[in-house]
C-alpha atoms as a PDB file:
ATOM      1  CA  MET A   1       4.365 103.994  47.804  1.00  0.00           C
ATOM      2  CA  ARG A   2       4.658 105.952  51.036  1.00  0.00           C
ATOM      3  CA  ILE A   3       5.567 109.602  50.492  1.00  0.00           C
ATOM      4  CA  LYS A   4       8.605 110.572  52.553  1.00  0.00           C
ATOM      5  CA  THR A   5       9.697 113.917  51.121  1.00  0.00           C
ATOM      6  CA  ILE A   6       7.910 116.684  49.262  1.00  0.00           C
ATOM      7  CA  SER A   7       9.809 119.237  47.219  1.00  0.00           C
ATOM      8  CA  ALA A   8       8.635 122.402  45.502  1.00  0.00           C
ATOM      9  CA  GLY A   9      10.096 124.238  42.572  1.00  0.00           C
ATOM     10  CA  ALA A  10       9.275 125.999  39.336  1.00  0.00           C
ATOM     11  CA  VAL A  11       9.216 125.659  35.595  1.00  0.00           C
ATOM     12  CA  ILE A  12      10.762 129.022  34.735  1.00  0.00           C
ATOM     13  CA  PHE A  13      10.191 130.616  31.358  1.00  0.00           C
ATOM     14  CA  TYR A  14      11.243 133.834  29.658  1.00  0.00           C
ATOM     15  CA  TRP A  15       9.661 135.415  26.586  1.00  0.00           C
ATOM     16  CA  GLU A  16      12.119 135.561  23.698  1.00  0.00           C
ATOM     17  CA  ASN A  17      10.939 136.530  20.197  1.00  0.00           C
ATOM     18  CA  ASP A  18       7.311 135.837  21.176  1.00  0.00           C
ATOM     19  CA  ARG A  19       7.993 132.309  22.353  1.00  0.00           C
ATOM     20  CA  PRO A  20       8.803 130.906  25.776  1.00  0.00           C
ATOM     21  CA  VAL A  21      12.275 129.589  26.499  1.00  0.00           C
ATOM     22  CA  TYR A  22      12.770 127.415  29.570  1.00  0.00           C
ATOM     23  CA  LEU A  23      15.471 127.345  32.211  1.00  0.00           C
ATOM     24  CA  LEU A  24      17.018 123.944  32.867  1.00  0.00           C
ATOM     25  CA  LEU A  25      19.718 123.173  35.413  1.00  0.00           C
ATOM     26  CA  ARG A  26      22.163 120.283  35.172  1.00  0.00           C
ATOM     27  CA  ALA A  27      23.562 118.361  38.132  1.00  0.00           C
ATOM     28  CA  TYR A  28      25.913 115.630  36.934  1.00  0.00           C
ATOM     29  CA  ARG A  29      24.106 114.029  33.959  1.00  0.00           C
ATOM     30  CA  ASN A  30      20.566 115.036  34.915  1.00  0.00           C
ATOM     31  CA  TRP A  31      18.693 118.117  33.738  1.00  0.00           C
ATOM     32  CA  ASP A  32      15.989 119.448  36.052  1.00  0.00           C
ATOM     33  CA  PHE A  33      14.051 122.500  37.156  1.00  0.00           C
ATOM     34  CA  PRO A  34      15.030 124.376  40.322  1.00  0.00           C
ATOM     35  CA  LYS A  35      13.424 122.732  43.343  1.00  0.00           C
ATOM     36  CA  GLY A  36      14.084 121.752  46.930  1.00  0.00           C
ATOM     37  CA  GLU A  37      12.608 120.138  49.985  1.00  0.00           C
ATOM     38  CA  ILE A  38       9.803 121.970  51.747  1.00  0.00           C
ATOM     39  CA  LYS A  39      10.890 123.078  55.199  1.00  0.00           C
ATOM     40  CA  GLN A  40       8.629 122.526  58.185  1.00  0.00           C
ATOM     41  CA  GLU A  41       5.867 125.156  58.351  1.00  0.00           C
ATOM     42  CA  GLU A  42       6.825 126.501  54.901  1.00  0.00           C
ATOM     43  CA  HIS A  43       4.190 126.881  52.182  1.00  0.00           C
ATOM     44  CA  PRO A  44       5.170 125.135  48.918  1.00  0.00           C
ATOM     45  CA  LEU A  45       5.066 128.428  46.992  1.00  0.00           C
ATOM     46  CA  GLU A  46       7.519 129.984  49.452  1.00  0.00           C
ATOM     47  CA  THR A  47       9.778 126.962  49.006  1.00  0.00           C
ATOM     48  CA  ALA A  48       9.647 127.356  45.232  1.00  0.00           C
ATOM     49  CA  LYS A  49      10.545 131.058  45.457  1.00  0.00           C
ATOM     50  CA  ARG A  50      13.398 130.370  47.868  1.00  0.00           C
ATOM     51  CA  GLU A  51      14.802 127.531  45.791  1.00  0.00           C
ATOM     52  CA  VAL A  52      14.681 129.532  42.558  1.00  0.00           C
ATOM     53  CA  ALA A  53      16.660 132.354  44.184  1.00  0.00           C
ATOM     54  CA  GLU A  54      19.106 129.960  45.887  1.00  0.00           C
ATOM     55  CA  GLU A  55      19.767 127.832  42.801  1.00  0.00           C
ATOM     56  CA  THR A  56      19.662 130.422  39.991  1.00  0.00           C
ATOM     57  CA  GLY A  57      20.160 133.859  41.529  1.00  0.00           C
ATOM     58  CA  LEU A  58      16.916 134.969  39.825  1.00  0.00           C
ATOM     59  CA  THR A  59      14.758 137.244  41.970  1.00  0.00           C
ATOM     60  CA  ASP A  60      12.749 139.205  39.372  1.00  0.00           C
ATOM     61  CA  VAL A  61      10.314 136.355  38.813  1.00  0.00           C
ATOM     62  CA  ILE A  62       6.510 136.239  38.702  1.00  0.00           C
ATOM     63  CA  PHE A  63       5.048 133.052  40.172  1.00  0.00           C
ATOM     64  CA  TYR A  64       1.621 131.992  38.958  1.00  0.00           C
ATOM     65  CA  ASP A  65      -0.954 129.935  40.854  1.00  0.00           C
ATOM     66  CA  ASP A  66      -0.635 127.051  38.394  1.00  0.00           C
ATOM     67  CA  VAL A  67       0.837 124.019  40.148  1.00  0.00           C
ATOM     68  CA  ILE A  68       1.316 120.345  39.294  1.00  0.00           C
ATOM     69  CA  GLU A  69       2.543 117.439  41.403  1.00  0.00           C
ATOM     70  CA  THR A  70       4.632 114.507  40.193  1.00  0.00           C
ATOM     71  CA  PRO A  71       3.661 110.950  40.974  1.00  0.00           C
ATOM     72  CA  PRO A  72       5.890 109.459  43.697  1.00  0.00           C
ATOM     73  CA  TYR A  73       9.394 108.626  42.448  1.00  0.00           C
ATOM     74  CA  GLY A  74      12.700 107.450  43.857  1.00  0.00           C
ATOM     75  CA  LYS A  75      12.291 106.455  47.485  1.00  0.00           C
ATOM     76  CA  GLY A  76       8.955 108.140  48.121  1.00  0.00           C
ATOM     77  CA  LYS A  77       9.630 111.621  46.747  1.00  0.00           C
ATOM     78  CA  VAL A  78       6.995 113.938  45.308  1.00  0.00           C
ATOM     79  CA  ALA A  79       7.742 117.285  43.666  1.00  0.00           C
ATOM     80  CA  MET A  80       5.347 120.186  43.162  1.00  0.00           C
ATOM     81  CA  PHE A  81       6.082 122.627  40.348  1.00  0.00           C
ATOM     82  CA  TYR A  82       4.721 126.128  39.838  1.00  0.00           C
ATOM     83  CA  ILE A  83       4.920 128.087  36.605  1.00  0.00           C
ATOM     84  CA  ALA A  84       7.142 131.157  36.934  1.00  0.00           C
ATOM     85  CA  GLU A  85       8.011 133.918  34.486  1.00  0.00           C
ATOM     86  CA  ALA A  86      11.488 135.421  34.671  1.00  0.00           C
ATOM     87  CA  LYS A  87      11.863 139.082  33.742  1.00  0.00           C
ATOM     88  CA  THR A  88      15.570 138.636  33.048  1.00  0.00           C
ATOM     89  CA  LYS A  89      17.780 135.796  31.806  1.00  0.00           C
ATOM     90  CA  ASP A  90      20.616 136.762  34.176  1.00  0.00           C
ATOM     91  CA  VAL A  91      21.192 133.388  35.824  1.00  0.00           C
ATOM     92  CA  PHE A  92      24.174 132.533  37.969  1.00  0.00           C
ATOM     93  CA  LEU A  93      24.826 129.484  40.102  1.00  0.00           C
ATOM     94  CA  PRO A  94      25.279 130.627  43.716  1.00  0.00           C
ATOM     95  CA  ILE A  95      27.482 128.674  46.109  1.00  0.00           C
ATOM     96  CA  SER A  96      25.419 126.408  48.359  1.00  0.00           C
ATOM     97  CA  PRO A  97      26.441 126.921  52.008  1.00  0.00           C
ATOM     98  CA  ASP A  98      25.802 123.207  52.649  1.00  0.00           C
ATOM     99  CA  LEU A  99      27.902 121.985  49.709  1.00  0.00           C
ATOM    100  CA  GLY A 100      30.543 124.702  49.416  1.00  0.00           C
ATOM    101  CA  ARG A 101      29.876 124.748  45.659  1.00  0.00           C
ATOM    102  CA  PRO A 102      26.881 125.404  43.398  1.00  0.00           C
ATOM    103  CA  GLU A 103      24.167 122.725  43.447  1.00  0.00           C
ATOM    104  CA  HIS A 104      24.282 122.550  39.643  1.00  0.00           C
ATOM    105  CA  HIS A 105      27.056 122.398  37.064  1.00  0.00           C
ATOM    106  CA  GLU A 106      25.382 124.156  34.163  1.00  0.00           C
ATOM    107  CA  TRP A 107      22.249 126.020  33.110  1.00  0.00           C
ATOM    108  CA  LYS A 108      20.575 126.667  29.760  1.00  0.00           C
ATOM    109  CA  TRP A 109      17.649 128.679  28.417  1.00  0.00           C
ATOM    110  CA  LEU A 110      16.081 126.495  25.730  1.00  0.00           C
ATOM    111  CA  PRO A 111      13.056 126.494  23.450  1.00  0.00           C
ATOM    112  CA  TYR A 112      10.482 123.820  24.216  1.00  0.00           C
ATOM    113  CA  ASP A 113      11.674 121.166  21.736  1.00  0.00           C
ATOM    114  CA  ASP A 114      15.292 121.407  22.891  1.00  0.00           C
ATOM    115  CA  ALA A 115      14.340 121.475  26.572  1.00  0.00           C
ATOM    116  CA  ILE A 116      12.048 118.474  26.445  1.00  0.00           C
ATOM    117  CA  ALA A 117      14.732 116.425  24.682  1.00  0.00           C
ATOM    118  CA  LEU A 118      17.006 116.756  27.751  1.00  0.00           C
ATOM    119  CA  LEU A 119      14.457 115.766  30.407  1.00  0.00           C
ATOM    120  CA  ASN A 120      13.499 112.373  31.835  1.00  0.00           C
ATOM    121  CA  GLU A 121       9.942 111.091  31.352  1.00  0.00           C
ATOM    122  CA  ARG A 122       8.700 112.403  34.711  1.00  0.00           C
ATOM    123  CA  LEU A 123       9.916 115.927  33.950  1.00  0.00           C
ATOM    124  CA  LYS A 124       8.805 115.820  30.307  1.00  0.00           C
ATOM    125  CA  ALA A 125       5.228 115.526  31.577  1.00  0.00           C
ATOM    126  CA  ILE A 126       5.774 118.586  33.791  1.00  0.00           C
ATOM    127  CA  LEU A 127       7.195 120.659  30.927  1.00  0.00           C
ATOM    128  CA  GLU A 128       4.404 119.566  28.560  1.00  0.00           C
ATOM    129  CA  TRP A 129       1.811 120.690  31.116  1.00  0.00           C
ATOM    130  CA  ALA A 130       3.557 124.029  31.723  1.00  0.00           C
ATOM    131  CA  HIS A 131       4.108 124.725  28.024  1.00  0.00           C
ATOM    132  CA  GLN A 132       0.420 124.202  27.206  1.00  0.00           C
ATOM    133  CA  LYS A 133      -0.635 126.449  30.109  1.00  0.00           C
ATOM    134  CA  ILE A 134       1.805 129.168  29.073  1.00  0.00           C
ATOM    135  CA  LEU A 135       0.725 129.145  25.428  1.00  0.00           C
ATOM    136  CA  LYS A 136      -2.953 129.191  26.394  1.00  0.00           C
ATOM    137  CA  GLU A 137      -2.938 131.597  29.346  1.00  0.00           C
ATOM    138  CA  ARG A 138       0.322 133.536  29.568  1.00  0.00           C
ATOM    139  CA  MET A 139       0.966 134.878  26.085  1.00  0.00           C
ATOM    140  CA  PRO A 140       2.275 138.463  26.066  1.00  0.00           C
ATOM    141  CA  ASN A 141      -0.485 141.026  25.563  1.00  0.00           C
ATOM    142  CA  SER A 142      -3.210 138.436  26.167  1.00  0.00           C
END
């Protein structure tokens, strides 16, 4: 499949009671992570940071070097996801200037088992990867 668009985003987690909880966003019936199309001359990490701020209002976020790419899906789309740690759970859904409304209808912070139950197969693989990395490498006080 020919790749036509590349997006970048983040699997965002927050430490709560010594376990990670994950931020999911819902647009219509689909739950997803914040992401968006990479602009010309923009580095994927910069895209991920911009999209997180634009879609969640979160700015106190640490982005790690860990990154994973989805296989092509849809009509030649590929998405790259970084792991990002939020220092606050204060999410809001800003109004998109292009849409005149927020890009998403709802957001939730969820523990791993609840989060993975809401995702499609492509995104389950992304969350599984991120969760293992976080437990192995990002534990508090490690």
